[in-house]
């Protein structure tokens, strides 16, 4: 968000979207957790979890049962909470949060803030209930919401990092 327009700055340096597939390899997930905890001593780090194996199971069952879109949406959001909780056990000193108001204090303590996003995904109701909405696109939306300076997507095999800086635009005089 833009501080110049009166929006809050949550102080997030980097939002890392954790691919839930990473939990298939506990050693790599633990190594990432330790790396992020070390990074949090000098940078303000927020982790946004994907749905992982639980989400994959939901999608498999959905192909048979054909859940209503709203039910599917809620199930997948809950899977993201489960992935976040699991990852928090592999990320020393991290703290989970559910509400944005909790973020500044977690980051001020030098901890990795791990979002349990279900309440916000359902409560804000800004995401389509469709197959085009992914945890990657949802994470990108939250990176913008939290004003993250960088956005990284971390899966089992790779990592992609992008700056969240927007090109400056001339101000309009009214």
Protein backbone atom coordinates (compact mmCIF):
# COMPACT_ATOMS: atom_id res chain seq x y z
CA UNK A 1 0.00 0.00 0.00
CA UNK A 2 1.07 3.59 -0.30
CA UNK A 3 2.04 5.53 2.81
CA UNK A 4 1.66 8.79 0.89
CA UNK A 5 -2.06 8.05 0.70
CA UNK A 6 -2.40 7.34 4.41
CA UNK A 7 -2.11 3.56 4.32
CA UNK A 8 -0.27 1.80 7.12
CA UNK A 9 3.28 0.55 6.58
CA UNK A 10 3.56 -2.87 8.23
CA UNK A 11 7.35 -2.78 7.87
CA UNK A 12 7.71 -5.99 5.83
CA UNK A 13 11.00 -6.23 3.96
CA UNK A 14 10.21 -9.51 2.22
CA UNK A 15 7.13 -11.68 1.93
CA UNK A 16 8.11 -15.27 1.19
CA UNK A 17 5.39 -17.40 -0.35
CA UNK A 18 6.16 -20.87 0.95
CA UNK A 19 5.24 -23.51 -1.60
CA UNK A 20 3.48 -26.21 0.37
CA UNK A 21 5.33 -28.78 -1.75
CA UNK A 22 8.44 -27.89 0.24
CA UNK A 23 7.00 -29.86 3.15
CA UNK A 24 7.58 -33.04 1.13
CA UNK A 25 11.27 -32.66 2.03
CA UNK A 26 11.55 -31.98 5.76
CA UNK A 27 15.31 -31.41 5.66
CA UNK A 28 15.00 -28.71 2.98
CA UNK A 29 12.02 -27.17 4.77
CA UNK A 30 13.99 -27.08 8.04
CA UNK A 31 17.00 -25.56 6.25
CA UNK A 32 14.75 -22.85 4.78
CA UNK A 33 13.22 -22.21 8.21
CA UNK A 34 16.66 -21.80 9.73
CA UNK A 35 17.77 -19.51 6.87
CA UNK A 36 14.67 -17.33 7.25
CA UNK A 37 15.17 -17.14 11.03
CA UNK A 38 18.73 -15.95 10.45
CA UNK A 39 17.51 -13.45 7.83
CA UNK A 40 14.96 -12.13 10.34
CA UNK A 41 17.81 -10.85 12.52
CA UNK A 42 18.51 -8.18 9.87
CA UNK A 43 15.33 -8.06 7.74
CA UNK A 44 11.61 -8.12 8.49
CA UNK A 45 10.36 -11.44 7.05
CA UNK A 46 6.76 -12.56 6.58
CA UNK A 47 5.91 -16.07 5.32
CA UNK A 48 2.70 -16.77 3.42
CA UNK A 49 2.04 -20.55 3.16
CA UNK A 50 0.62 -22.46 0.24
CA UNK A 51 -1.75 -25.35 0.80
CA UNK A 52 0.74 -28.17 0.27
CA UNK A 53 -0.17 -31.84 0.50
CA UNK A 54 -3.45 -31.10 2.30
CA UNK A 55 -4.54 -28.84 -0.56
CA UNK A 56 -3.55 -31.51 -3.09
CA UNK A 57 -5.78 -33.99 -1.26
CA UNK A 58 -8.69 -31.52 -1.27
CA UNK A 59 -8.31 -31.06 -5.03
CA UNK A 60 -8.25 -34.84 -5.57
CA UNK A 61 -11.45 -35.31 -3.53
CA UNK A 62 -13.06 -32.32 -5.28
CA UNK A 63 -12.64 -34.04 -8.67
CA UNK A 64 -14.96 -36.77 -7.37
CA UNK A 65 -17.34 -34.92 -5.03
CA UNK A 66 -17.46 -31.59 -6.90
CA UNK A 67 -17.58 -29.26 -3.91
CA UNK A 68 -19.43 -25.97 -4.30
CA UNK A 69 -16.92 -23.20 -5.09
CA UNK A 70 -17.37 -21.57 -1.67
CA UNK A 71 -16.67 -24.85 0.16
CA UNK A 72 -13.61 -25.57 -2.00
CA UNK A 73 -12.32 -22.04 -1.35
CA UNK A 74 -12.67 -22.43 2.42
CA UNK A 75 -11.09 -25.90 2.47
CA UNK A 76 -8.03 -24.69 0.57
CA UNK A 77 -7.66 -21.63 2.82
CA UNK A 78 -7.74 -23.91 5.87
CA UNK A 79 -5.05 -26.08 4.26
CA UNK A 80 -2.84 -23.00 4.07
CA UNK A 81 -3.23 -22.50 7.83
CA UNK A 82 -2.16 -26.12 8.40
CA UNK A 83 0.92 -25.67 6.21
CA UNK A 84 1.82 -22.49 8.10
CA UNK A 85 1.50 -24.22 11.46
CA UNK A 86 3.64 -27.14 10.30
CA UNK A 87 6.32 -24.83 8.89
CA UNK A 88 6.40 -22.81 12.12
CA UNK A 89 7.80 -25.89 13.89
CA UNK A 90 10.73 -25.91 11.42
CA UNK A 91 11.46 -22.16 11.65
CA UNK A 92 13.21 -21.41 14.97
CA UNK A 93 11.77 -18.49 16.91
CA UNK A 94 9.03 -17.81 14.37
CA UNK A 95 5.57 -16.73 15.43
CA UNK A 96 2.28 -17.37 13.66
CA UNK A 97 -0.34 -14.65 13.27
CA UNK A 98 -3.89 -14.43 11.99
CA UNK A 99 -4.55 -10.68 11.94
CA UNK A 100 -2.47 -7.98 10.23
CA UNK A 101 -2.41 -5.89 13.43
CA UNK A 102 -0.12 -8.56 14.96
CA UNK A 103 2.61 -8.20 12.30
CA UNK A 104 4.55 -5.11 13.50
CA UNK A 105 5.16 -6.53 16.98
CA UNK A 106 6.33 -9.91 15.63
CA UNK A 107 8.73 -8.21 13.21
CA UNK A 108 9.97 -5.80 15.90
CA UNK A 109 11.03 -8.84 17.94
CA UNK A 110 13.23 -10.00 15.04
CA UNK A 111 11.06 -13.04 14.43
CA UNK A 112 9.75 -14.55 11.21
CA UNK A 113 6.01 -13.79 11.03
CA UNK A 114 4.14 -16.78 9.59
CA UNK A 115 0.67 -15.93 8.38
CA UNK A 116 -2.25 -18.28 8.98
CA UNK A 117 -4.28 -16.69 6.18
CA UNK A 118 -7.67 -18.45 6.30
CA UNK A 119 -9.47 -15.79 8.37
CA UNK A 120 -8.23 -12.99 6.11
CA UNK A 121 -8.85 -14.87 2.84
CA UNK A 122 -12.44 -15.64 3.84
CA UNK A 123 -13.11 -12.45 5.82
CA UNK A 124 -11.79 -9.95 3.27
CA UNK A 125 -13.66 -11.73 0.46
CA UNK A 126 -11.54 -10.15 -2.30
CA UNK A 127 -10.52 -13.39 -4.09
CA UNK A 128 -12.51 -15.18 -6.77
CA UNK A 129 -13.67 -18.64 -5.91
CA UNK A 130 -12.19 -20.16 -9.04
CA UNK A 131 -9.27 -22.26 -10.27
CA UNK A 132 -7.54 -19.06 -11.45
CA UNK A 133 -7.01 -17.97 -7.85
CA UNK A 134 -3.87 -19.68 -6.57
CA UNK A 135 -1.90 -19.39 -3.37
CA UNK A 136 0.81 -17.64 -5.45
CA UNK A 137 -1.62 -14.95 -6.63
CA UNK A 138 -3.12 -14.63 -3.16
CA UNK A 139 0.39 -14.24 -1.69
CA UNK A 140 1.15 -11.53 -4.25
CA UNK A 141 -2.00 -9.66 -3.18
CA UNK A 142 -0.94 -9.87 0.48
CA UNK A 143 2.61 -8.74 -0.43
CA UNK A 144 1.04 -5.59 -1.82
CA UNK A 145 -1.32 -5.26 1.16
CA UNK A 146 1.55 -5.51 3.67
CA UNK A 147 3.72 -3.16 1.57
CA UNK A 148 6.49 -5.75 1.25
CA UNK A 149 9.58 -4.37 -0.44
CA UNK A 150 10.32 -7.80 -1.99
CA UNK A 151 8.23 -10.83 -2.85
CA UNK A 152 9.74 -14.32 -3.10
CA UNK A 153 8.08 -17.57 -4.11
CA UNK A 154 9.81 -20.63 -2.65
CA UNK A 155 8.88 -24.12 -3.78
CA UNK A 156 10.61 -27.47 -3.56
CA UNK A 157 12.86 -26.89 -6.56
CA UNK A 158 13.35 -23.14 -6.96
CA UNK A 159 13.02 -19.62 -5.63
CA UNK A 160 11.90 -16.49 -7.48
CA UNK A 161 12.44 -13.03 -6.00
CA UNK A 162 10.89 -9.81 -7.30
CA UNK A 163 10.99 -6.25 -6.11
CA UNK A 164 7.63 -4.84 -5.12
CA UNK A 165 8.72 -1.31 -5.93
CA UNK A 166 6.43 0.40 -8.38
CA UNK A 167 7.77 2.88 -10.91
CA UNK A 168 7.11 6.41 -9.73
CA UNK A 169 4.22 8.23 -11.36
CA UNK A 170 3.74 11.95 -11.65
CA UNK A 171 1.23 13.34 -9.16
CA UNK A 172 -1.93 14.85 -10.49
CA UNK A 173 -2.67 18.41 -9.47
CA UNK A 174 -6.36 19.10 -8.97
